[in-house]
Amino acid sequence: MEKLDCRSIMIGDWVMVKLTQHNTTVTNIDSNSVYTEAAFPLRYDEIEPIPLTPEILEQNGFEDWDGWLCFDTDEFSISWCGTILKIHSDNGTCELVTCMYVHELQHAIKLCGIEKEIKV
């Protein structure tokens, strides 16, 4: 499991609180603490990444196309199979990255300039 720190997460990322197994979004970060919807800041060792699963993708509108879970619009397409994420944009660019956690998917989408909110 990836260990999270202030360099690996961004505001808006989904993480899981280890103690309660509750999924929450990051609202602020600093070098020692993560702020979420909780009433108090959390230490980095109190959170963990949320594994990316077919169920999470399906609840976000992804559909199964020959073993790949895909989300397609006129401007872009996102495809995921196991740990491989492919993003194609309308300008012909293609990104291929390893993606095992929800926050990594969120980062890839943001870096490609795609406006798609992921819900957990």
C-alpha atoms as a PDB file:
ATOM      1  CA  MET A   1       0.000   0.000   0.000  1.00  0.00           C
ATOM      2  CA  GLU A   2       1.294   3.412  -0.961  1.00  0.00           C
ATOM      3  CA  LYS A   3       2.219   5.645   1.970  1.00  0.00           C
ATOM      4  CA  LEU A   4       0.697   9.094   1.587  1.00  0.00           C
ATOM      5  CA  ASP A   5       2.499  12.336   2.373  1.00  0.00           C
ATOM      6  CA  CYS A   6       2.174  16.028   1.511  1.00  0.00           C
ATOM      7  CA  ARG A   7       3.801  15.412  -1.910  1.00  0.00           C
ATOM      8  CA  SER A   8       1.445  12.609  -2.950  1.00  0.00           C
ATOM      9  CA  ILE A   9      -1.983  14.119  -2.314  1.00  0.00           C
ATOM     10  CA  MET A  10      -3.795  17.285  -3.332  1.00  0.00           C
ATOM     11  CA  ILE A  11      -6.818  19.196  -2.103  1.00  0.00           C
ATOM     12  CA  GLY A  12      -9.933  17.404  -3.345  1.00  0.00           C
ATOM     13  CA  ASP A  13      -8.356  13.925  -3.276  1.00  0.00           C
ATOM     14  CA  TRP A  14     -10.264  11.011  -1.812  1.00  0.00           C
ATOM     15  CA  VAL A  15      -8.536   9.181   1.081  1.00  0.00           C
ATOM     16  CA  MET A  16      -9.608   6.671   3.718  1.00  0.00           C
ATOM     17  CA  VAL A  17      -9.323   7.304   7.467  1.00  0.00           C
ATOM     18  CA  LYS A  18      -7.687   4.125   8.802  1.00  0.00           C
ATOM     19  CA  LEU A  19      -9.383   4.082  12.208  1.00  0.00           C
ATOM     20  CA  THR A  20     -12.957   4.403  10.940  1.00  0.00           C
ATOM     21  CA  GLN A  21     -12.527   3.105   7.347  1.00  0.00           C
ATOM     22  CA  HIS A  22     -14.429   6.261   6.315  1.00  0.00           C
ATOM     23  CA  ASN A  23     -13.771   7.764   2.872  1.00  0.00           C
ATOM     24  CA  THR A  24     -13.298  11.523   2.907  1.00  0.00           C
ATOM     25  CA  THR A  25     -11.908  14.304   0.747  1.00  0.00           C
ATOM     26  CA  VAL A  26      -8.835  16.363   1.542  1.00  0.00           C
ATOM     27  CA  THR A  27      -9.668  20.019   2.222  1.00  0.00           C
ATOM     28  CA  ASN A  28      -6.177  21.276   3.140  1.00  0.00           C
ATOM     29  CA  ILE A  29      -2.691  19.895   3.688  1.00  0.00           C
ATOM     30  CA  ASP A  30       0.551  20.899   5.355  1.00  0.00           C
ATOM     31  CA  SER A  31       3.786  19.071   6.020  1.00  0.00           C
ATOM     32  CA  ASN A  32       2.451  17.316   9.140  1.00  0.00           C
ATOM     33  CA  SER A  33      -1.321  17.165   8.814  1.00  0.00           C
ATOM     34  CA  VAL A  34      -4.189  16.437   6.469  1.00  0.00           C
ATOM     35  CA  TYR A  35      -7.436  18.325   6.875  1.00  0.00           C
ATOM     36  CA  THR A  36     -10.670  16.668   5.837  1.00  0.00           C
ATOM     37  CA  GLU A  37     -14.341  16.892   6.731  1.00  0.00           C
ATOM     38  CA  ALA A  38     -13.331  15.621  10.198  1.00  0.00           C
ATOM     39  CA  ALA A  39     -13.414  18.104  13.060  1.00  0.00           C
ATOM     40  CA  PHE A  40      -9.662  17.731  13.636  1.00  0.00           C
ATOM     41  CA  PRO A  41      -6.566  17.354  11.454  1.00  0.00           C
ATOM     42  CA  LEU A  42      -5.196  13.887  10.753  1.00  0.00           C
ATOM     43  CA  ARG A  43      -1.595  12.733  10.612  1.00  0.00           C
ATOM     44  CA  TYR A  44      -0.431  11.159   7.359  1.00  0.00           C
ATOM     45  CA  ASP A  45      -0.104   7.785   9.072  1.00  0.00           C
ATOM     46  CA  GLU A  46      -3.837   7.977   9.917  1.00  0.00           C
ATOM     47  CA  ILE A  47      -4.941   7.951   6.275  1.00  0.00           C
ATOM     48  CA  GLU A  48      -4.431   5.602   3.364  1.00  0.00           C
ATOM     49  CA  PRO A  49      -5.180   5.614  -0.347  1.00  0.00           C
ATOM     50  CA  ILE A  50      -8.439   4.131  -1.621  1.00  0.00           C
ATOM     51  CA  PRO A  51      -7.821   1.276  -4.072  1.00  0.00           C
ATOM     52  CA  LEU A  52      -9.290   1.907  -7.505  1.00  0.00           C
ATOM     53  CA  THR A  53     -11.879  -0.777  -8.220  1.00  0.00           C
ATOM     54  CA  PRO A  54     -14.270  -1.598 -11.055  1.00  0.00           C
ATOM     55  CA  GLU A  55     -17.169  -0.794  -8.702  1.00  0.00           C
ATOM     56  CA  ILE A  56     -15.899   2.749  -8.078  1.00  0.00           C
ATOM     57  CA  LEU A  57     -15.422   3.332 -11.801  1.00  0.00           C
ATOM     58  CA  GLU A  58     -18.840   1.916 -12.685  1.00  0.00           C
ATOM     59  CA  GLN A  59     -20.551   4.200 -10.154  1.00  0.00           C
ATOM     60  CA  ASN A  60     -18.772   7.084 -11.927  1.00  0.00           C
ATOM     61  CA  GLY A  61     -20.205   6.210 -15.330  1.00  0.00           C
ATOM     62  CA  PHE A  62     -17.490   3.888 -16.670  1.00  0.00           C
ATOM     63  CA  GLU A  63     -18.697   0.968 -18.803  1.00  0.00           C
ATOM     64  CA  ASP A  64     -17.091  -2.381 -19.630  1.00  0.00           C
ATOM     65  CA  TRP A  65     -15.717  -2.528 -23.195  1.00  0.00           C
ATOM     66  CA  ASP A  66     -13.898  -5.824 -23.783  1.00  0.00           C
ATOM     67  CA  GLY A  67     -12.262  -5.914 -20.350  1.00  0.00           C
ATOM     68  CA  TRP A  68     -11.472  -2.191 -20.184  1.00  0.00           C
ATOM     69  CA  LEU A  69     -13.647   0.112 -18.096  1.00  0.00           C
ATOM     70  CA  CYS A  70     -14.205   3.212 -20.225  1.00  0.00           C
ATOM     71  CA  PHE A  71     -15.680   6.671 -19.926  1.00  0.00           C
ATOM     72  CA  ASP A  72     -16.096   8.397 -23.273  1.00  0.00           C
ATOM     73  CA  THR A  73     -17.172  11.897 -24.327  1.00  0.00           C
ATOM     74  CA  ASP A  74     -16.666  13.971 -27.484  1.00  0.00           C
ATOM     75  CA  GLU A  75     -13.628  15.652 -25.877  1.00  0.00           C
ATOM     76  CA  PHE A  76     -11.846  12.737 -24.177  1.00  0.00           C
ATOM     77  CA  SER A  77     -11.906   9.084 -23.245  1.00  0.00           C
ATOM     78  CA  ILE A  78     -10.564   7.412 -20.127  1.00  0.00           C
ATOM     79  CA  SER A  79      -9.927   3.659 -20.072  1.00  0.00           C
ATOM     80  CA  TRP A  80      -8.726   1.493 -17.169  1.00  0.00           C
ATOM     81  CA  CYS A  81      -7.722  -2.154 -17.043  1.00  0.00           C
ATOM     82  CA  GLY A  82      -6.268  -3.509 -13.791  1.00  0.00           C
ATOM     83  CA  THR A  83      -3.573  -0.924 -13.132  1.00  0.00           C
ATOM     84  CA  ILE A  84      -3.202   0.691 -16.570  1.00  0.00           C
ATOM     85  CA  LEU A  85      -4.948   3.998 -17.271  1.00  0.00           C
ATOM     86  CA  LYS A  86      -5.207   5.412 -20.810  1.00  0.00           C
ATOM     87  CA  ILE A  87      -6.445   8.931 -21.437  1.00  0.00           C
ATOM     88  CA  HIS A  88      -7.097  10.133 -24.998  1.00  0.00           C
ATOM     89  CA  SER A  89      -7.985  13.761 -25.608  1.00  0.00           C
ATOM     90  CA  ASP A  90      -9.671  15.383 -28.580  1.00  0.00           C
ATOM     91  CA  ASN A  91      -6.341  16.878 -29.701  1.00  0.00           C
ATOM     92  CA  GLY A  92      -4.908  13.401 -30.265  1.00  0.00           C
ATOM     93  CA  THR A  93      -2.723  13.127 -27.185  1.00  0.00           C
ATOM     94  CA  CYS A  94      -2.633   9.888 -25.249  1.00  0.00           C
ATOM     95  CA  GLU A  95      -1.368   9.352 -21.731  1.00  0.00           C
ATOM     96  CA  LEU A  96      -0.629   5.866 -20.403  1.00  0.00           C
ATOM     97  CA  VAL A  97       0.074   5.578 -16.662  1.00  0.00           C
ATOM     98  CA  THR A  98      -0.057   3.097 -13.818  1.00  0.00           C
ATOM     99  CA  CYS A  99      -3.077   3.871 -11.667  1.00  0.00           C
ATOM    100  CA  MET A 100      -3.928   1.789  -8.601  1.00  0.00           C
ATOM    101  CA  TYR A 101      -5.635   4.323  -6.331  1.00  0.00           C
ATOM    102  CA  VAL A 102      -8.506   6.797  -6.619  1.00  0.00           C
ATOM    103  CA  HIS A 103      -6.280   9.814  -5.901  1.00  0.00           C
ATOM    104  CA  GLU A 104      -3.959   8.784  -8.768  1.00  0.00           C
ATOM    105  CA  LEU A 105      -6.944   8.728 -11.144  1.00  0.00           C
ATOM    106  CA  GLN A 106      -7.952  12.176  -9.873  1.00  0.00           C
ATOM    107  CA  HIS A 107      -4.414  13.503 -10.499  1.00  0.00           C
ATOM    108  CA  ALA A 108      -4.231  12.044 -14.028  1.00  0.00           C
ATOM    109  CA  ILE A 109      -7.582  13.560 -14.946  1.00  0.00           C
ATOM    110  CA  LYS A 110      -6.555  16.981 -13.595  1.00  0.00           C
ATOM    111  CA  LEU A 111      -3.162  16.897 -15.322  1.00  0.00           C
ATOM    112  CA  CYS A 112      -4.859  16.206 -18.650  1.00  0.00           C
ATOM    113  CA  GLY A 113      -7.131  19.215 -18.140  1.00  0.00           C
ATOM    114  CA  ILE A 114     -10.257  17.071 -17.909  1.00  0.00           C
ATOM    115  CA  GLU A 115     -13.107  18.269 -15.746  1.00  0.00           C
ATOM    116  CA  LYS A 116     -14.607  15.079 -14.325  1.00  0.00           C
ATOM    117  CA  GLU A 117     -15.404  14.687 -10.676  1.00  0.00           C
ATOM    118  CA  ILE A 118     -14.830  11.240  -9.170  1.00  0.00           C
ATOM    119  CA  LYS A 119     -17.158  10.162  -6.379  1.00  0.00           C
ATOM    120  CA  VAL A 120     -16.504   7.360  -3.899  1.00  0.00           C
END
